PDB file of N, CA and C in Angstrom:
ATOM      1  N   MET A   1     -20.173 -70.315 -54.491  1.00  0.00           N
ATOM      2  CA  MET A   1     -19.226 -71.555 -54.144  1.00  0.00           C
ATOM      3  C   MET A   1     -20.234 -72.952 -53.927  1.00  0.00           C
ATOM      4  N   ASN A   2     -20.061 -73.485 -54.225  1.00  0.00           N
ATOM      5  CA  ASN A   2     -20.989 -74.503 -53.069  1.00  0.00           C
ATOM      6  C   ASN A   2     -20.754 -75.831 -52.903  1.00  0.00           C
ATOM      7  N   ILE A   3     -20.824 -76.261 -51.906  1.00  0.00           N
ATOM      8  CA  ILE A   3     -20.174 -77.314 -51.081  1.00  0.00           C
ATOM      9  C   ILE A   3     -19.489 -78.060 -51.773  1.00  0.00           C
ATOM     10  N   GLU A   4     -19.759 -78.525 -52.706  1.00  0.00           N
ATOM     11  CA  GLU A   4     -18.191 -79.974 -53.392  1.00  0.00           C
ATOM     12  C   GLU A   4     -16.615 -79.262 -53.184  1.00  0.00           C
ATOM     13  N   THR A   5     -16.963 -77.522 -54.109  1.00  0.00           N
ATOM     14  CA  THR A   5     -15.855 -77.161 -54.455  1.00  0.00           C
ATOM     15  C   THR A   5     -15.415 -76.743 -52.883  1.00  0.00           C
ATOM     16  N   PHE A   6     -16.267 -76.745 -51.683  1.00  0.00           N
ATOM     17  CA  PHE A   6     -15.459 -76.523 -50.362  1.00  0.00           C
ATOM     18  C   PHE A   6     -14.765 -77.285 -50.132  1.00  0.00           C
ATOM     19  N   ARG A   7     -16.171 -78.553 -50.424  1.00  0.00           N
ATOM     20  CA  ARG A   7     -14.487 -79.764 -49.471  1.00  0.00           C
ATOM     21  C   ARG A   7     -14.220 -80.578 -50.222  1.00  0.00           C
ATOM     22  N   ASP A   8     -13.873 -80.211 -51.346  1.00  0.00           N
ATOM     23  CA  ASP A   8     -12.593 -80.940 -51.820  1.00  0.00           C
ATOM     24  C   ASP A   8     -11.328 -79.995 -51.628  1.00  0.00           C
ATOM     25  N   TYR A   9     -12.106 -78.851 -51.372  1.00  0.00           N
ATOM     26  CA  TYR A   9     -10.810 -78.180 -51.068  1.00  0.00           C
ATOM     27  C   TYR A   9     -10.264 -78.149 -49.937  1.00  0.00           C
ATOM     28  N   CYS A  10     -10.881 -78.214 -49.035  1.00  0.00           N
ATOM     29  CA  CYS A  10     -10.961 -78.992 -48.009  1.00  0.00           C
ATOM     30  C   CYS A  10      -9.557 -80.209 -47.901  1.00  0.00           C
ATOM     31  N   LEU A  11     -10.611 -81.069 -48.178  1.00  0.00           N
ATOM     32  CA  LEU A  11      -9.474 -82.226 -48.373  1.00  0.00           C
ATOM     33  C   LEU A  11      -8.644 -82.427 -49.636  1.00  0.00           C
ATOM     34  N   SER A  12      -8.046 -81.019 -49.718  1.00  0.00           N
ATOM     35  CA  SER A  12      -6.295 -81.787 -51.123  1.00  0.00           C
ATOM     36  C   SER A  12      -5.341 -80.903 -49.835  1.00  0.00           C
ATOM     37  N   LYS A  13      -5.740 -80.628 -48.257  1.00  0.00           N
ATOM     38  CA  LYS A  13      -4.804 -80.552 -47.565  1.00  0.00           C
ATOM     39  C   LYS A  13      -3.969 -81.249 -46.618  1.00  0.00           C
ATOM     40  N   ALA A  14      -2.784 -81.426 -46.551  1.00  0.00           N
ATOM     41  CA  ALA A  14      -2.118 -82.588 -45.840  1.00  0.00           C
ATOM     42  C   ALA A  14      -2.811 -82.839 -45.109  1.00  0.00           C
ATOM     43  N   GLY A  15      -3.048 -84.376 -44.220  1.00  0.00           N
ATOM     44  CA  GLY A  15      -3.668 -84.897 -43.276  1.00  0.00           C
ATOM     45  C   GLY A  15      -5.214 -84.380 -42.986  1.00  0.00           C
ATOM     46  N   VAL A  16      -6.254 -84.009 -43.597  1.00  0.00           N
ATOM     47  CA  VAL A  16      -6.962 -83.729 -43.268  1.00  0.00           C
ATOM     48  C   VAL A  16      -8.156 -84.683 -43.617  1.00  0.00           C
ATOM     49  N   THR A  17      -8.977 -84.819 -42.545  1.00  0.00           N
ATOM     50  CA  THR A  17     -10.270 -85.770 -42.448  1.00  0.00           C
ATOM     51  C   THR A  17     -11.719 -85.312 -42.253  1.00  0.00           C
ATOM     52  N   GLU A  18     -12.152 -85.872 -42.354  1.00  0.00           N
ATOM     53  CA  GLU A  18     -13.848 -84.837 -42.226  1.00  0.00           C
ATOM     54  C   GLU A  18     -14.517 -86.831 -41.550  1.00  0.00           C
ATOM     55  N   ASP A  19     -15.613 -85.433 -40.738  1.00  0.00           N
ATOM     56  CA  ASP A  19     -16.969 -86.490 -40.204  1.00  0.00           C
ATOM     57  C   ASP A  19     -17.854 -85.659 -39.816  1.00  0.00           C
ATOM     58  N   THR A  20     -18.997 -86.194 -39.226  1.00  0.00           N
ATOM     59  CA  THR A  20     -19.293 -85.667 -38.638  1.00  0.00           C
ATOM     60  C   THR A  20     -20.274 -85.581 -36.895  1.00  0.00           C
ATOM     61  N   PRO A  21     -19.183 -85.192 -36.121  1.00  0.00           N
ATOM     62  CA  PRO A  21     -19.572 -85.607 -34.491  1.00  0.00           C
ATOM     63  C   PRO A  21     -20.438 -85.077 -33.765  1.00  0.00           C
ATOM     64  N   PHE A  22     -21.155 -83.667 -34.414  1.00  0.00           N
ATOM     65  CA  PHE A  22     -22.293 -83.422 -33.355  1.00  0.00           C
ATOM     66  C   PHE A  22     -23.815 -83.368 -34.395  1.00  0.00           C
ATOM     67  N   GLY A  23     -23.900 -84.612 -35.382  1.00  0.00           N
ATOM     68  CA  GLY A  23     -24.848 -85.934 -35.888  1.00  0.00           C
ATOM     69  C   GLY A  23     -24.831 -85.184 -37.038  1.00  0.00           C
ATOM     70  N   PRO A  24     -25.512 -85.916 -37.690  1.00  0.00           N
ATOM     71  CA  PRO A  24     -25.224 -86.065 -39.192  1.00  0.00           C
ATOM     72  C   PRO A  24     -25.336 -84.368 -40.350  1.00  0.00           C
ATOM     73  N   ASP A  25     -25.610 -83.184 -39.851  1.00  0.00           N
ATOM     74  CA  ASP A  25     -26.278 -82.323 -40.577  1.00  0.00           C
ATOM     75  C   ASP A  25     -24.373 -81.887 -40.350  1.00  0.00           C
ATOM     76  N   THR A  26     -23.763 -81.660 -39.401  1.00  0.00           N
ATOM     77  CA  THR A  26     -23.314 -80.784 -39.344  1.00  0.00           C
ATOM     78  C   THR A  26     -21.486 -81.350 -39.544  1.00  0.00           C
ATOM     79  N   LEU A  27     -20.917 -81.168 -40.538  1.00  0.00           N
ATOM     80  CA  LEU A  27     -19.791 -81.506 -41.140  1.00  0.00           C
ATOM     81  C   LEU A  27     -17.996 -81.202 -40.507  1.00  0.00           C
ATOM     82  N   CYS A  28     -17.346 -81.723 -40.225  1.00  0.00           N
ATOM     83  CA  CYS A  28     -16.446 -80.723 -40.044  1.00  0.00           C
ATOM     84  C   CYS A  28     -14.946 -81.166 -40.827  1.00  0.00           C
ATOM     85  N   PHE A  29     -14.169 -80.700 -41.015  1.00  0.00           N
ATOM     86  CA  PHE A  29     -12.433 -80.370 -40.908  1.00  0.00           C
ATOM     87  C   PHE A  29     -11.383 -80.947 -40.258  1.00  0.00           C
ATOM     88  N   ARG A  30     -10.785 -81.984 -40.454  1.00  0.00           N
ATOM     89  CA  ARG A  30      -9.612 -81.623 -39.078  1.00  0.00           C
ATOM     90  C   ARG A  30      -8.685 -81.905 -39.622  1.00  0.00           C
ATOM     91  N   VAL A  31      -7.200 -81.243 -38.643  1.00  0.00           N
ATOM     92  CA  VAL A  31      -6.042 -81.848 -39.331  1.00  0.00           C
ATOM     93  C   VAL A  31      -5.931 -82.451 -38.009  1.00  0.00           C
ATOM     94  N   ALA A  32      -4.984 -84.115 -37.909  1.00  0.00           N
ATOM     95  CA  ALA A  32      -4.228 -84.949 -36.862  1.00  0.00           C
ATOM     96  C   ALA A  32      -5.548 -84.244 -35.536  1.00  0.00           C
ATOM     97  N   ASN A  33      -7.306 -84.657 -35.788  1.00  0.00           N
ATOM     98  CA  ASN A  33      -8.149 -84.267 -34.570  1.00  0.00           C
ATOM     99  C   ASN A  33      -8.680 -83.936 -34.489  1.00  0.00           C
ATOM    100  N   LYS A  34      -7.747 -82.261 -34.832  1.00  0.00           N
ATOM    101  CA  LYS A  34      -8.096 -80.835 -34.777  1.00  0.00           C
ATOM    102  C   LYS A  34      -9.247 -79.966 -35.602  1.00  0.00           C
ATOM    103  N   ILE A  35     -10.645 -79.878 -34.902  1.00  0.00           N
ATOM    104  CA  ILE A  35     -11.324 -78.857 -36.265  1.00  0.00           C
ATOM    105  C   ILE A  35     -10.822 -77.888 -35.928  1.00  0.00           C
ATOM    106  N   PHE A  36     -10.515 -78.025 -37.676  1.00  0.00           N
ATOM    107  CA  PHE A  36     -10.411 -76.386 -38.170  1.00  0.00           C
ATOM    108  C   PHE A  36     -11.374 -75.492 -38.907  1.00  0.00           C
ATOM    109  N   ALA A  37     -12.460 -76.032 -39.337  1.00  0.00           N
ATOM    110  CA  ALA A  37     -13.316 -75.877 -40.399  1.00  0.00           C
ATOM    111  C   ALA A  37     -14.959 -76.575 -40.359  1.00  0.00           C
ATOM    112  N   LEU A  38     -15.906 -76.153 -40.260  1.00  0.00           N
ATOM    113  CA  LEU A  38     -16.924 -76.907 -39.546  1.00  0.00           C
ATOM    114  C   LEU A  38     -18.451 -76.390 -40.403  1.00  0.00           C
ATOM    115  N   LEU A  39     -19.093 -76.716 -40.415  1.00  0.00           N
ATOM    116  CA  LEU A  39     -20.659 -76.317 -41.782  1.00  0.00           C
ATOM    117  C   LEU A  39     -21.592 -77.075 -41.249  1.00  0.00           C
ATOM    118  N   ASP A  40     -23.248 -76.754 -41.638  1.00  0.00           N
ATOM    119  CA  ASP A  40     -24.589 -77.279 -42.166  1.00  0.00           C
ATOM    120  C   ASP A  40     -23.895 -78.253 -43.619  1.00  0.00           C
ATOM    121  N   ILE A  41     -24.586 -79.387 -43.228  1.00  0.00           N
ATOM    122  CA  ILE A  41     -24.584 -80.059 -44.602  1.00  0.00           C
ATOM    123  C   ILE A  41     -25.337 -79.770 -45.542  1.00  0.00           C
ATOM    124  N   ASP A  42     -26.201 -79.261 -45.002  1.00  0.00           N
ATOM    125  CA  ASP A  42     -27.608 -78.904 -46.390  1.00  0.00           C
ATOM    126  C   ASP A  42     -27.832 -77.949 -46.503  1.00  0.00           C
ATOM    127  N   LYS A  43     -27.513 -76.999 -46.091  1.00  0.00           N
ATOM    128  CA  LYS A  43     -26.999 -75.381 -45.817  1.00  0.00           C
ATOM    129  C   LYS A  43     -26.314 -74.875 -46.590  1.00  0.00           C
ATOM    130  N   PHE A  44     -25.547 -75.217 -46.342  1.00  0.00           N
ATOM    131  CA  PHE A  44     -24.405 -74.406 -46.242  1.00  0.00           C
ATOM    132  C   PHE A  44     -23.943 -73.017 -47.000  1.00  0.00           C
ATOM    133  N   GLU A  45     -25.000 -72.158 -45.674  1.00  0.00           N
ATOM    134  CA  GLU A  45     -25.083 -70.950 -45.195  1.00  0.00           C
ATOM    135  C   GLU A  45     -24.272 -70.213 -45.024  1.00  0.00           C
ATOM    136  N   SER A  46     -23.222 -70.913 -44.351  1.00  0.00           N
ATOM    137  CA  SER A  46     -21.407 -70.551 -42.919  1.00  0.00           C
ATOM    138  C   SER A  46     -21.294 -71.530 -43.107  1.00  0.00           C
ATOM    139  N   VAL A  47     -19.334 -71.204 -43.041  1.00  0.00           N
ATOM    140  CA  VAL A  47     -18.985 -72.109 -42.270  1.00  0.00           C
ATOM    141  C   VAL A  47     -17.911 -71.280 -41.138  1.00  0.00           C
ATOM    142  N   ASN A  48     -17.543 -71.872 -40.152  1.00  0.00           N
ATOM    143  CA  ASN A  48     -17.064 -71.521 -38.996  1.00  0.00           C
ATOM    144  C   ASN A  48     -15.444 -72.131 -38.906  1.00  0.00           C
ATOM    145  N   LEU A  49     -14.523 -70.911 -38.841  1.00  0.00           N
ATOM    146  CA  LEU A  49     -13.238 -71.358 -39.548  1.00  0.00           C
ATOM    147  C   LEU A  49     -12.343 -70.424 -38.336  1.00  0.00           C
ATOM    148  N   LYS A  50     -11.279 -71.157 -37.403  1.00  0.00           N
ATOM    149  CA  LYS A  50     -10.382 -70.845 -36.528  1.00  0.00           C
ATOM    150  C   LYS A  50      -9.779 -69.380 -37.752  1.00  0.00           C
ATOM    151  N   CYS A  51      -9.444 -67.792 -36.686  1.00  0.00           N
ATOM    152  CA  CYS A  51      -9.010 -66.927 -36.547  1.00  0.00           C
ATOM    153  C   CYS A  51      -8.203 -66.844 -35.557  1.00  0.00           C
ATOM    154  N   ASP A  52      -6.546 -65.986 -36.265  1.00  0.00           N
ATOM    155  CA  ASP A  52      -5.892 -65.490 -35.377  1.00  0.00           C
ATOM    156  C   ASP A  52      -6.530 -63.990 -34.485  1.00  0.00           C
ATOM    157  N   PRO A  53      -6.603 -64.125 -33.062  1.00  0.00           N
ATOM    158  CA  PRO A  53      -8.146 -62.612 -32.463  1.00  0.00           C
ATOM    159  C   PRO A  53      -7.917 -61.299 -33.638  1.00  0.00           C
ATOM    160  N   GLU A  54      -6.490 -61.004 -33.163  1.00  0.00           N
ATOM    161  CA  GLU A  54      -6.744 -59.804 -34.157  1.00  0.00           C
ATOM    162  C   GLU A  54      -7.228 -59.688 -35.303  1.00  0.00           C
ATOM    163  N   ARG A  55      -6.988 -60.419 -35.967  1.00  0.00           N
ATOM    164  CA  ARG A  55      -7.286 -60.646 -37.849  1.00  0.00           C
ATOM    165  C   ARG A  55      -8.922 -60.979 -37.443  1.00  0.00           C
ATOM    166  N   ALA A  56      -9.870 -61.312 -36.730  1.00  0.00           N
ATOM    167  CA  ALA A  56     -10.423 -61.611 -36.795  1.00  0.00           C
ATOM    168  C   ALA A  56     -11.190 -60.212 -36.249  1.00  0.00           C
ATOM    169  N   VAL A  57     -10.877 -59.510 -35.577  1.00  0.00           N
ATOM    170  CA  VAL A  57     -11.625 -58.281 -35.132  1.00  0.00           C
ATOM    171  C   VAL A  57     -11.757 -57.973 -36.434  1.00  0.00           C
ATOM    172  N   LEU A  58     -10.971 -57.537 -37.206  1.00  0.00           N
ATOM    173  CA  LEU A  58     -10.340 -56.726 -38.228  1.00  0.00           C
ATOM    174  C   LEU A  58     -11.317 -57.016 -39.471  1.00  0.00           C
ATOM    175  N   LEU A  59     -11.019 -58.748 -39.899  1.00  0.00           N
ATOM    176  CA  LEU A  59     -12.111 -58.883 -40.681  1.00  0.00           C
ATOM    177  C   LEU A  59     -13.680 -58.516 -40.362  1.00  0.00           C
ATOM    178  N   ARG A  60     -14.120 -58.908 -39.610  1.00  0.00           N
ATOM    179  CA  ARG A  60     -15.162 -58.548 -38.701  1.00  0.00           C
ATOM    180  C   ARG A  60     -16.375 -57.126 -39.422  1.00  0.00           C
ATOM    181  N   GLU A  61     -15.210 -55.829 -39.016  1.00  0.00           N
ATOM    182  CA  GLU A  61     -14.575 -54.508 -39.217  1.00  0.00           C
ATOM    183  C   GLU A  61     -15.562 -54.434 -40.938  1.00  0.00           C
ATOM    184  N   GLN A  62     -14.383 -55.125 -41.729  1.00  0.00           N
ATOM    185  CA  GLN A  62     -14.174 -54.501 -42.984  1.00  0.00           C
ATOM    186  C   GLN A  62     -15.948 -55.691 -44.139  1.00  0.00           C
ATOM    187  N   HIS A  63     -16.332 -56.795 -43.403  1.00  0.00           N
ATOM    188  CA  HIS A  63     -16.972 -57.663 -44.055  1.00  0.00           C
ATOM    189  C   HIS A  63     -18.568 -57.848 -43.491  1.00  0.00           C
ATOM    190  N   ASP A  64     -19.264 -57.561 -43.891  1.00  0.00           N
ATOM    191  CA  ASP A  64     -20.878 -57.926 -42.671  1.00  0.00           C
ATOM    192  C   ASP A  64     -20.873 -59.457 -42.832  1.00  0.00           C
ATOM    193  N   GLY A  65     -20.216 -60.206 -44.306  1.00  0.00           N
ATOM    194  CA  GLY A  65     -20.685 -61.348 -43.524  1.00  0.00           C
ATOM    195  C   GLY A  65     -19.589 -62.308 -43.188  1.00  0.00           C
ATOM    196  N   ILE A  66     -18.768 -61.716 -41.795  1.00  0.00           N
ATOM    197  CA  ILE A  66     -18.411 -62.266 -41.510  1.00  0.00           C
ATOM    198  C   ILE A  66     -18.490 -61.647 -39.880  1.00  0.00           C
ATOM    199  N   VAL A  67     -18.807 -62.933 -39.319  1.00  0.00           N
ATOM    200  CA  VAL A  67     -19.437 -62.667 -37.407  1.00  0.00           C
ATOM    201  C   VAL A  67     -18.623 -63.413 -36.835  1.00  0.00           C
ATOM    202  N   PRO A  68     -18.188 -63.062 -35.079  1.00  0.00           N
ATOM    203  CA  PRO A  68     -18.408 -63.879 -34.521  1.00  0.00           C
ATOM    204  C   PRO A  68     -17.853 -65.219 -34.425  1.00  0.00           C
ATOM    205  N   GLY A  69     -17.722 -66.191 -34.283  1.00  0.00           N
ATOM    206  CA  GLY A  69     -18.180 -67.736 -34.859  1.00  0.00           C
ATOM    207  C   GLY A  69     -19.837 -68.144 -33.746  1.00  0.00           C
ATOM    208  N   TYR A  70     -20.441 -68.635 -34.450  1.00  0.00           N
ATOM    209  CA  TYR A  70     -22.023 -69.024 -34.007  1.00  0.00           C
ATOM    210  C   TYR A  70     -21.194 -70.804 -33.178  1.00  0.00           C
ATOM    211  N   HIS A  71     -21.928 -70.478 -32.134  1.00  0.00           N
ATOM    212  CA  HIS A  71     -21.594 -71.661 -30.646  1.00  0.00           C
ATOM    213  C   HIS A  71     -19.617 -71.919 -30.971  1.00  0.00           C
ATOM    214  N   MET A  72     -19.131 -71.312 -30.941  1.00  0.00           N
ATOM    215  CA  MET A  72     -18.119 -71.082 -30.925  1.00  0.00           C
ATOM    216  C   MET A  72     -17.137 -69.859 -29.994  1.00  0.00           C
ATOM    217  N   ASN A  73     -15.890 -70.579 -29.982  1.00  0.00           N
ATOM    218  CA  ASN A  73     -15.054 -69.145 -28.534  1.00  0.00           C
ATOM    219  C   ASN A  73     -15.256 -68.363 -29.969  1.00  0.00           C
ATOM    220  N   LYS A  74     -15.318 -66.668 -29.802  1.00  0.00           N
ATOM    221  CA  LYS A  74     -15.884 -65.604 -30.365  1.00  0.00           C
ATOM    222  C   LYS A  74     -14.598 -64.364 -31.129  1.00  0.00           C
ATOM    223  N   LYS A  75     -13.642 -65.568 -30.187  1.00  0.00           N
ATOM    224  CA  LYS A  75     -12.082 -64.516 -29.740  1.00  0.00           C
ATOM    225  C   LYS A  75     -11.100 -65.417 -31.032  1.00  0.00           C
ATOM    226  N   HIS A  76     -11.257 -66.953 -31.524  1.00  0.00           N
ATOM    227  CA  HIS A  76     -11.024 -67.171 -32.508  1.00  0.00           C
ATOM    228  C   HIS A  76     -11.619 -68.069 -33.378  1.00  0.00           C
ATOM    229  N   TRP A  77     -12.402 -67.845 -32.910  1.00  0.00           N
ATOM    230  CA  TRP A  77     -13.107 -67.907 -33.866  1.00  0.00           C
ATOM    231  C   TRP A  77     -14.179 -67.369 -35.175  1.00  0.00           C
ATOM    232  N   ASN A  78     -14.307 -67.236 -36.459  1.00  0.00           N
ATOM    233  CA  ASN A  78     -14.983 -66.442 -37.057  1.00  0.00           C
ATOM    234  C   ASN A  78     -16.430 -67.988 -38.082  1.00  0.00           C
ATOM    235  N   THR A  79     -17.577 -66.627 -38.380  1.00  0.00           N
ATOM    236  CA  THR A  79     -18.541 -67.791 -38.967  1.00  0.00           C
ATOM    237  C   THR A  79     -18.704 -67.009 -40.171  1.00  0.00           C
ATOM    238  N   VAL A  80     -17.611 -67.522 -40.871  1.00  0.00           N
ATOM    239  CA  VAL A  80     -17.935 -66.997 -42.785  1.00  0.00           C
ATOM    240  C   VAL A  80     -19.225 -66.786 -43.548  1.00  0.00           C
ATOM    241  N   SER A  81     -19.810 -66.325 -43.686  1.00  0.00           N
ATOM    242  CA  SER A  81     -20.946 -66.336 -44.930  1.00  0.00           C
ATOM    243  C   SER A  81     -20.817 -67.207 -45.941  1.00  0.00           C
ATOM    244  N   CYS A  82     -21.868 -68.235 -46.424  1.00  0.00           N
ATOM    245  CA  CYS A  82     -21.296 -68.523 -47.576  1.00  0.00           C
ATOM    246  C   CYS A  82     -22.104 -68.156 -49.152  1.00  0.00           C
ATOM    247  N   ASP A  83     -23.110 -66.806 -48.263  1.00  0.00           N
ATOM    248  CA  ASP A  83     -23.967 -66.756 -49.693  1.00  0.00           C
ATOM    249  C   ASP A  83     -23.643 -65.837 -50.394  1.00  0.00           C
ATOM    250  N   GLY A  84     -21.916 -65.126 -51.136  1.00  0.00           N
ATOM    251  CA  GLY A  84     -21.411 -64.292 -51.951  1.00  0.00           C
ATOM    252  C   GLY A  84     -21.079 -63.247 -51.345  1.00  0.00           C
ATOM    253  N   SER A  85     -21.445 -62.613 -49.897  1.00  0.00           N
ATOM    254  CA  SER A  85     -21.273 -60.825 -49.316  1.00  0.00           C
ATOM    255  C   SER A  85     -19.724 -61.600 -49.040  1.00  0.00           C
ATOM    256  N   VAL A  86     -19.014 -62.619 -48.882  1.00  0.00           N
ATOM    257  CA  VAL A  86     -17.915 -63.186 -48.744  1.00  0.00           C
ATOM    258  C   VAL A  86     -17.361 -63.582 -50.269  1.00  0.00           C
ATOM    259  N   SER A  87     -16.149 -62.259 -50.525  1.00  0.00           N
ATOM    260  CA  SER A  87     -15.432 -63.280 -52.105  1.00  0.00           C
ATOM    261  C   SER A  87     -14.803 -64.795 -52.318  1.00  0.00           C
ATOM    262  N   ALA A  88     -14.628 -65.459 -53.422  1.00  0.00           N
ATOM    263  CA  ALA A  88     -15.156 -66.885 -53.149  1.00  0.00           C
ATOM    264  C   ALA A  88     -13.271 -67.167 -53.005  1.00  0.00           C
ATOM    265  N   ASP A  89     -12.811 -66.089 -52.742  1.00  0.00           N
ATOM    266  CA  ASP A  89     -11.246 -66.375 -52.717  1.00  0.00           C
ATOM    267  C   ASP A  89     -11.478 -65.603 -51.390  1.00  0.00           C
ATOM    268  N   LEU A  90     -11.383 -64.437 -50.507  1.00  0.00           N
ATOM    269  CA  LEU A  90     -11.031 -64.854 -49.092  1.00  0.00           C
ATOM    270  C   LEU A  90     -12.061 -65.519 -48.288  1.00  0.00           C
ATOM    271  N   LEU A  91     -13.040 -66.574 -48.755  1.00  0.00           N
ATOM    272  CA  LEU A  91     -13.693 -67.671 -48.116  1.00  0.00           C
ATOM    273  C   LEU A  91     -12.233 -68.732 -48.098  1.00  0.00           C
ATOM    274  N   LEU A  92     -11.559 -68.826 -49.159  1.00  0.00           N
ATOM    275  CA  LEU A  92     -10.282 -69.873 -49.462  1.00  0.00           C
ATOM    276  C   LEU A  92      -9.344 -69.824 -48.938  1.00  0.00           C
ATOM    277  N   GLU A  93      -8.884 -67.993 -48.779  1.00  0.00           N
ATOM    278  CA  GLU A  93      -7.918 -67.512 -47.894  1.00  0.00           C
ATOM    279  C   GLU A  93      -8.011 -67.503 -46.174  1.00  0.00           C
ATOM    280  N   LEU A  94      -9.301 -67.806 -46.049  1.00  0.00           N
ATOM    281  CA  LEU A  94      -9.560 -67.685 -44.463  1.00  0.00           C
ATOM    282  C   LEU A  94      -9.661 -69.625 -43.760  1.00  0.00           C
ATOM    283  N   VAL A  95     -10.029 -70.252 -45.192  1.00  0.00           N
ATOM    284  CA  VAL A  95     -10.103 -71.549 -44.638  1.00  0.00           C
ATOM    285  C   VAL A  95      -8.040 -71.845 -44.724  1.00  0.00           C
ATOM    286  N   ASP A  96      -6.956 -71.093 -45.329  1.00  0.00           N
ATOM    287  CA  ASP A  96      -5.599 -71.397 -45.689  1.00  0.00           C
ATOM    288  C   ASP A  96      -5.431 -71.124 -43.785  1.00  0.00           C
ATOM    289  N   HIS A  97      -5.344 -70.011 -43.555  1.00  0.00           N
ATOM    290  CA  HIS A  97      -5.422 -69.532 -42.285  1.00  0.00           C
ATOM    291  C   HIS A  97      -6.113 -70.248 -41.511  1.00  0.00           C
ATOM    292  N   SER A  98      -7.976 -71.055 -41.396  1.00  0.00           N
ATOM    293  CA  SER A  98      -7.581 -71.683 -40.293  1.00  0.00           C
ATOM    294  C   SER A  98      -7.089 -73.068 -39.911  1.00  0.00           C
ATOM    295  N   TYR A  99      -6.607 -73.691 -41.173  1.00  0.00           N
ATOM    296  CA  TYR A  99      -5.923 -74.508 -41.513  1.00  0.00           C
ATOM    297  C   TYR A  99      -4.628 -74.438 -40.978  1.00  0.00           C
ATOM    298  N   ALA A 100      -3.361 -73.673 -40.885  1.00  0.00           N
ATOM    299  CA  ALA A 100      -2.340 -73.396 -41.012  1.00  0.00           C
ATOM    300  C   ALA A 100      -2.208 -72.960 -38.985  1.00  0.00           C
ATOM    301  N   LEU A 101      -3.266 -71.910 -38.679  1.00  0.00           N
ATOM    302  CA  LEU A 101      -3.619 -72.284 -36.927  1.00  0.00           C
ATOM    303  C   LEU A 101      -3.246 -73.251 -37.187  1.00  0.00           C
ATOM    304  N   VAL A 102      -4.829 -74.014 -36.886  1.00  0.00           N
ATOM    305  CA  VAL A 102      -4.420 -75.609 -35.837  1.00  0.00           C
ATOM    306  C   VAL A 102      -2.978 -76.133 -36.767  1.00  0.00           C
ATOM    307  N   PHE A 103      -2.384 -76.245 -37.046  1.00  0.00           N
ATOM    308  CA  PHE A 103      -1.209 -77.380 -38.430  1.00  0.00           C
ATOM    309  C   PHE A 103       0.081 -76.515 -37.604  1.00  0.00           C
ATOM    310  N   SER A 104       0.318 -75.295 -37.225  1.00  0.00           N
ATOM    311  CA  SER A 104       1.275 -75.215 -36.285  1.00  0.00           C
ATOM    312  C   SER A 104       1.383 -75.354 -34.869  1.00  0.00           C
ATOM    313  N   SER A 105       0.508 -75.487 -34.688  1.00  0.00           N
ATOM    314  CA  SER A 105      -0.300 -75.852 -33.347  1.00  0.00           C
ATOM    315  C   SER A 105       0.559 -77.173 -33.118  1.00  0.00           C
ATOM    316  N   LEU A 106       0.500 -78.010 -33.642  1.00  0.00           N
ATOM    317  CA  LEU A 106       0.689 -79.795 -33.702  1.00  0.00           C
ATOM    318  C   LEU A 106       1.581 -79.898 -33.247  1.00  0.00           C
ATOM    319  N   PRO A 107       2.339 -80.808 -32.342  1.00  0.00           N
ATOM    320  CA  PRO A 107       3.599 -81.628 -32.354  1.00  0.00           C
ATOM    321  C   PRO A 107       4.967 -81.574 -33.619  1.00  0.00           C
ATOM    322  N   LYS A 108       5.335 -81.980 -32.951  1.00  0.00           N
ATOM    323  CA  LYS A 108       6.354 -81.828 -34.014  1.00  0.00           C
ATOM    324  C   LYS A 108       6.487 -82.808 -34.667  1.00  0.00           C
ATOM    325  N   ASN A 109       6.400 -83.983 -34.231  1.00  0.00           N
ATOM    326  CA  ASN A 109       6.701 -85.137 -34.591  1.00  0.00           C
ATOM    327  C   ASN A 109       5.272 -85.023 -35.655  1.00  0.00           C
ATOM    328  N   VAL A 110       4.078 -84.857 -34.754  1.00  0.00           N
ATOM    329  CA  VAL A 110       2.725 -85.191 -36.043  1.00  0.00           C
ATOM    330  C   VAL A 110       2.766 -84.534 -37.204  1.00  0.00           C
ATOM    331  N   LYS A 111       3.151 -83.001 -37.587  1.00  0.00           N
ATOM    332  CA  LYS A 111       3.702 -82.238 -38.491  1.00  0.00           C
ATOM    333  C   LYS A 111       4.716 -82.922 -39.585  1.00  0.00           C
ATOM    334  N   GLU A 112       5.666 -83.169 -38.717  1.00  0.00           N
ATOM    335  CA  GLU A 112       5.879 -84.374 -40.235  1.00  0.00           C
ATOM    336  C   GLU A 112       5.203 -85.780 -40.228  1.00  0.00           C
ATOM    337  N   GLU A 113       4.712 -86.032 -39.283  1.00  0.00           N
ATOM    338  CA  GLU A 113       4.060 -87.533 -40.058  1.00  0.00           C
ATOM    339  C   GLU A 113       3.759 -87.082 -41.127  1.00  0.00           C
ATOM    340  N   ILE A 114       2.868 -86.168 -41.707  1.00  0.00           N
ATOM    341  CA  ILE A 114       1.789 -84.951 -41.797  1.00  0.00           C
ATOM    342  C   ILE A 114       2.094 -84.558 -43.340  1.00  0.00           C
ATOM    343  N   ASN A 115       3.328 -84.576 -42.958  1.00  0.00           N
ATOM    344  CA  ASN A 115       4.163 -83.651 -44.632  1.00  0.00           C
ATOM    345  C   ASN A 115       4.897 -84.684 -44.640  1.00  0.00           C
ATOM    346  N   GLY A 116       4.758 -85.833 -44.295  1.00  0.00           N
ATOM    347  CA  GLY A 116       5.473 -87.071 -45.719  1.00  0.00           C
ATOM    348  C   GLY A 116       7.452 -86.825 -44.873  1.00  0.00           C
TER     349      GLY A 116
END
């Protein structure tokens, strides 16, 4: 998967914005100003995604390309390799999971506003 496909997928989700708050090399995707994915724009070697803590441990055991979140809370974030060691389907499913976790934590009125 290339960065353009990944970016398009993230931006297709309701209420998603992108920015580079940590400098021009780190792209963040947010829903209601809460980050659900971040990655290196130039390299696109991996992406940090929020994950349910129990599932995060299982994924790390099952996939060499999934490790505790780099520079993130290791309990709630995974770093997922984009080198092909993790399938594109699984990568996108983990994006969905990350987005859903963040979205579910939003206040009801914010969720309603995003959903129209």
